[in-house]
Protein backbone atom coordinates (compact mmCIF):
# COMPACT_ATOMS: atom_id res chain seq x y z
CA UNK A 1 0.92 20.85 2.80
CA UNK A 2 2.38 24.07 2.75
CA UNK A 3 3.45 23.24 -1.34
CA UNK A 4 -0.29 22.84 -2.27
CA UNK A 5 -1.46 24.91 -4.97
CA UNK A 6 -3.59 27.52 -3.19
CA UNK A 7 -5.56 29.18 -6.46
CA UNK A 8 -6.48 28.34 -9.67
CA UNK A 9 -6.57 31.73 -11.84
CA UNK A 10 -8.86 31.32 -14.96
CA UNK A 11 -6.23 34.36 -16.46
CA UNK A 12 -4.00 31.89 -17.17
CA UNK A 13 -6.17 29.94 -19.44
CA UNK A 14 -7.84 31.37 -22.53
CA UNK A 15 -11.33 33.17 -22.39
CA UNK A 16 -12.85 31.30 -25.41
CA UNK A 17 -13.37 28.14 -23.38
CA UNK A 18 -14.25 27.18 -19.78
CA UNK A 19 -12.88 23.47 -20.30
CA UNK A 20 -8.96 24.36 -19.60
CA UNK A 21 -9.75 26.07 -16.45
CA UNK A 22 -12.64 22.94 -15.19
CA UNK A 23 -9.37 20.59 -15.74
CA UNK A 24 -6.78 22.61 -14.41
CA UNK A 25 -9.08 23.07 -11.20
CA UNK A 26 -10.04 19.66 -11.11
CA UNK A 27 -6.45 18.52 -11.02
CA UNK A 28 -6.05 20.51 -8.08
CA UNK A 29 -8.71 20.18 -6.34
CA UNK A 30 -7.42 16.04 -6.48
CA UNK A 31 -4.43 17.06 -5.44
CA UNK A 32 -5.62 18.01 -2.52
CA UNK A 33 -7.85 15.43 -1.66
CA UNK A 34 -4.61 12.85 -2.35
CA UNK A 35 -2.39 15.12 -0.24
CA UNK A 36 -4.82 15.24 2.86
CA UNK A 37 -5.81 11.35 2.76
CA UNK A 38 -2.43 10.36 1.87
CA UNK A 39 -0.95 12.38 5.24
CA UNK A 40 -4.19 11.16 7.50
CA UNK A 41 -2.92 7.34 6.13
CA UNK A 42 0.96 7.68 6.98
CA UNK A 43 -0.30 8.82 10.15
CA UNK A 44 -2.07 6.13 10.88
CA UNK A 45 0.97 3.94 9.67
CA UNK A 46 3.31 5.46 11.93
CA UNK A 47 1.01 4.62 15.43
CA UNK A 48 0.79 0.88 14.00
CA UNK A 49 -2.78 1.88 13.63
CA UNK A 50 -3.08 -0.68 10.17
CA UNK A 51 -6.50 -1.56 9.92
CA UNK A 52 -7.29 2.56 9.75
CA UNK A 53 -4.45 3.48 7.17
CA UNK A 54 -5.64 0.56 4.87
CA UNK A 55 -8.90 2.30 5.04
CA UNK A 56 -7.92 5.57 3.95
CA UNK A 57 -5.86 4.22 1.77
CA UNK A 58 -8.58 2.59 -0.05
CA UNK A 59 -9.71 6.41 -0.55
CA UNK A 60 -6.72 7.22 -2.16
CA UNK A 61 -7.43 4.60 -4.52
CA UNK A 62 -10.35 5.61 -5.78
CA UNK A 63 -8.86 9.20 -6.05
CA UNK A 64 -6.47 8.38 -8.34
CA UNK A 65 -8.53 5.91 -10.09
CA UNK A 66 -10.64 9.14 -10.98
CA UNK A 67 -7.27 10.89 -11.95
CA UNK A 68 -6.31 8.69 -14.23
CA UNK A 69 -10.14 8.84 -15.78
CA UNK A 70 -9.31 12.86 -16.24
CA UNK A 71 -6.23 11.31 -17.70
CA UNK A 72 -8.24 9.40 -20.63
CA UNK A 73 -10.87 11.69 -21.00
CA UNK A 74 -8.21 14.85 -22.23
CA UNK A 75 -6.51 12.06 -24.40
CA UNK A 76 -9.82 11.44 -26.21
CA UNK A 77 -10.99 15.03 -26.47
CA UNK A 78 -7.35 15.25 -28.10
CA UNK A 79 -8.04 12.30 -30.58
CA UNK A 80 -12.12 13.61 -31.05
CA UNK A 81 -12.53 17.19 -30.48
CA UNK A 82 -15.99 16.04 -28.69
CA UNK A 83 -16.54 19.45 -26.53
CA UNK A 84 -19.81 18.66 -24.97
CA UNK A 85 -18.73 15.20 -24.42
CA UNK A 86 -16.06 16.80 -22.48
CA UNK A 87 -18.40 19.20 -20.44
CA UNK A 88 -20.50 16.38 -19.35
CA UNK A 89 -17.69 14.20 -18.18
CA UNK A 90 -15.76 17.21 -16.33
CA UNK A 91 -18.65 18.61 -14.82
CA UNK A 92 -19.74 14.53 -13.51
CA UNK A 93 -15.99 14.82 -12.36
CA UNK A 94 -16.28 17.85 -10.38
CA UNK A 95 -20.20 17.97 -9.50
CA UNK A 96 -21.08 14.35 -9.04
CA UNK A 97 -23.48 13.39 -6.14
CA UNK A 98 -24.91 10.58 -5.14
CA UNK A 99 -28.88 12.06 -4.27
CA UNK A 100 -31.65 11.10 -6.49
CA UNK A 101 -31.95 14.13 -7.94
CA UNK A 102 -28.57 15.16 -9.15
CA UNK A 103 -27.87 16.71 -12.00
CA UNK A 104 -24.32 15.05 -12.19
CA UNK A 105 -24.47 11.07 -11.11
CA UNK A 106 -21.47 9.66 -9.26
CA UNK A 107 -19.17 7.60 -11.21
CA UNK A 108 -19.48 3.40 -10.98
CA UNK A 109 -15.94 3.72 -8.98
CA UNK A 110 -15.29 0.47 -9.48
CA UNK A 111 -15.45 1.08 -13.01
CA UNK A 112 -12.47 3.33 -12.69
CA UNK A 113 -10.68 1.16 -10.48
CA UNK A 114 -10.91 -1.88 -13.35
CA UNK A 115 -9.69 0.66 -16.12
CA UNK A 116 -6.48 1.90 -14.20
CA UNK A 117 -6.07 -2.10 -13.10
CA UNK A 118 -5.88 -2.49 -17.17
CA UNK A 119 -2.78 -0.30 -16.57
CA UNK A 120 -1.57 -1.13 -13.45
CA UNK A 121 -2.48 -5.00 -12.83
CA UNK A 122 -3.02 -5.95 -9.72
CA UNK A 123 -4.90 -2.53 -8.75
CA UNK A 124 -8.11 -3.96 -8.61
CA UNK A 125 -7.14 -7.06 -6.57
CA UNK A 126 -5.36 -4.87 -3.73
CA UNK A 127 -8.74 -2.44 -3.91
CA UNK A 128 -10.68 -5.52 -3.39
CA UNK A 129 -9.06 -6.62 -0.15
CA UNK A 130 -9.11 -3.00 1.19
CA UNK A 131 -13.01 -3.02 0.37
CA UNK A 132 -13.09 -6.04 2.97
CA UNK A 133 -11.55 -4.40 5.68
CA UNK A 134 -13.99 -1.41 4.72
CA UNK A 135 -16.71 -3.29 5.43
CA UNK A 136 -16.77 -5.14 8.50
CA UNK A 137 -15.61 -8.66 7.02
CA UNK A 138 -13.00 -11.08 7.80
CA UNK A 139 -10.01 -9.76 6.59
CA UNK A 140 -11.01 -6.29 8.61
CA UNK A 141 -12.28 -7.96 12.15
CA UNK A 142 -11.16 -11.44 12.98
CA UNK A 143 -8.16 -11.60 10.55
CA UNK A 144 -6.62 -8.09 12.10
CA UNK A 145 -7.68 -8.36 15.94
CA UNK A 146 -7.80 -11.93 16.76
CA UNK A 147 -5.56 -14.94 16.47
CA UNK A 148 -6.02 -18.70 18.12
CA UNK A 149 -3.45 -19.96 20.09
CA UNK A 150 -2.21 -23.01 18.53
CA UNK A 151 -1.92 -24.77 22.24
CA UNK A 152 -4.52 -23.77 24.62
CA UNK A 153 -6.43 -22.48 21.85
CA UNK A 154 -7.31 -19.41 23.81
CA UNK A 155 -8.86 -16.44 21.40
CA UNK A 156 -6.25 -13.47 21.41
CA UNK A 157 -7.46 -10.19 20.70
CA UNK A 158 -6.06 -7.03 19.03
CA UNK A 159 -3.70 -6.35 16.49
CA UNK A 160 -0.29 -7.62 16.25
CA UNK A 161 2.46 -8.06 13.69
CA UNK A 162 0.93 -11.43 13.36
CA UNK A 163 -2.34 -9.85 11.45
CA UNK A 164 -2.64 -10.46 8.33
CA UNK A 165 -3.78 -6.48 7.23
CA UNK A 166 -0.08 -5.65 9.45
CA UNK A 167 1.63 -3.40 7.33
CA UNK A 168 -0.01 -4.14 4.06
CA UNK A 169 -1.36 -0.73 3.06
CA UNK A 170 2.13 0.69 3.23
CA UNK A 171 3.22 -0.30 -0.08
CA UNK A 172 -0.26 -0.38 -1.51
CA UNK A 173 0.35 3.76 -0.68
CA UNK A 174 3.49 4.53 -2.52
CA UNK A 175 2.85 2.33 -5.41
CA UNK A 176 -0.61 4.60 -5.51
CA UNK A 177 0.83 7.96 -4.86
CA UNK A 178 3.75 6.94 -7.38
CA UNK A 179 0.86 6.54 -10.05
CA UNK A 180 -0.55 9.59 -9.11
CA UNK A 181 2.42 11.40 -9.87
CA UNK A 182 2.79 10.27 -13.48
CA UNK A 183 -0.72 11.43 -14.01
CA UNK A 184 -0.67 14.47 -12.42
CA UNK A 185 2.56 15.73 -14.14
CA UNK A 186 0.70 14.33 -17.36
CA UNK A 187 -2.45 16.21 -16.82
CA UNK A 188 -0.40 19.88 -17.93
CA UNK A 189 0.81 19.12 -21.23
CA UNK A 190 -2.84 18.05 -22.08
CA UNK A 191 -4.58 20.48 -20.70
CA UNK A 192 -2.18 23.22 -22.53
CA UNK A 193 -2.85 21.50 -25.33
CA UNK A 194 -6.36 21.65 -25.32
CA UNK A 195 -6.20 25.21 -24.60
CA UNK A 196 -4.48 26.03 -27.43
CA UNK A 197 -6.81 24.62 -29.21
CA UNK A 198 -9.77 26.36 -27.87
CA UNK A 199 -7.74 29.79 -28.21
CA UNK A 200 -7.56 29.25 -31.92
CA UNK A 201 -10.85 27.34 -32.23
CA UNK A 202 -12.66 29.56 -30.16
CA UNK A 203 -16.02 27.80 -28.24
């Protein structure tokens, strides 16, 4: 974790608009979140706690979907140059809360997942399956912790390699991190272009 960025310096960017600084700050904050969640998921997978790893991997999915939404918003700004819309969107990303009186409302995360699914088919299907594990539905309860001996009809309890969730999260986590790596690399050119635009045109 020592390789994670420790600061975002506004002096690196134009002083004519706060938007490039906000966008770069979001990029690095999301990087920290993904790194911390992924590290926790890997630790759980290493001790064969696949249900716990899957539940955290679902959070990684949501964060990658948010990062993709930020990428889309910066691409949209590059086309339309709508500064107010970009400001509102980035502030919602940065400051959204679930409280009823919140100035910036929490986003519909399933909508974000759906948008990424259009680019990466199967993303939503995996997210839905992992949501079943987050909630105490069949996949995360009986499907993980129980199996019936066909001969004795005794219910055997505890996770085993026969459990449906055994190993399911590892490939999903890897694929989501590959997509995040792509998004993380795609953001600096977009932020740089935005920075140049504001430096030339002002706020």
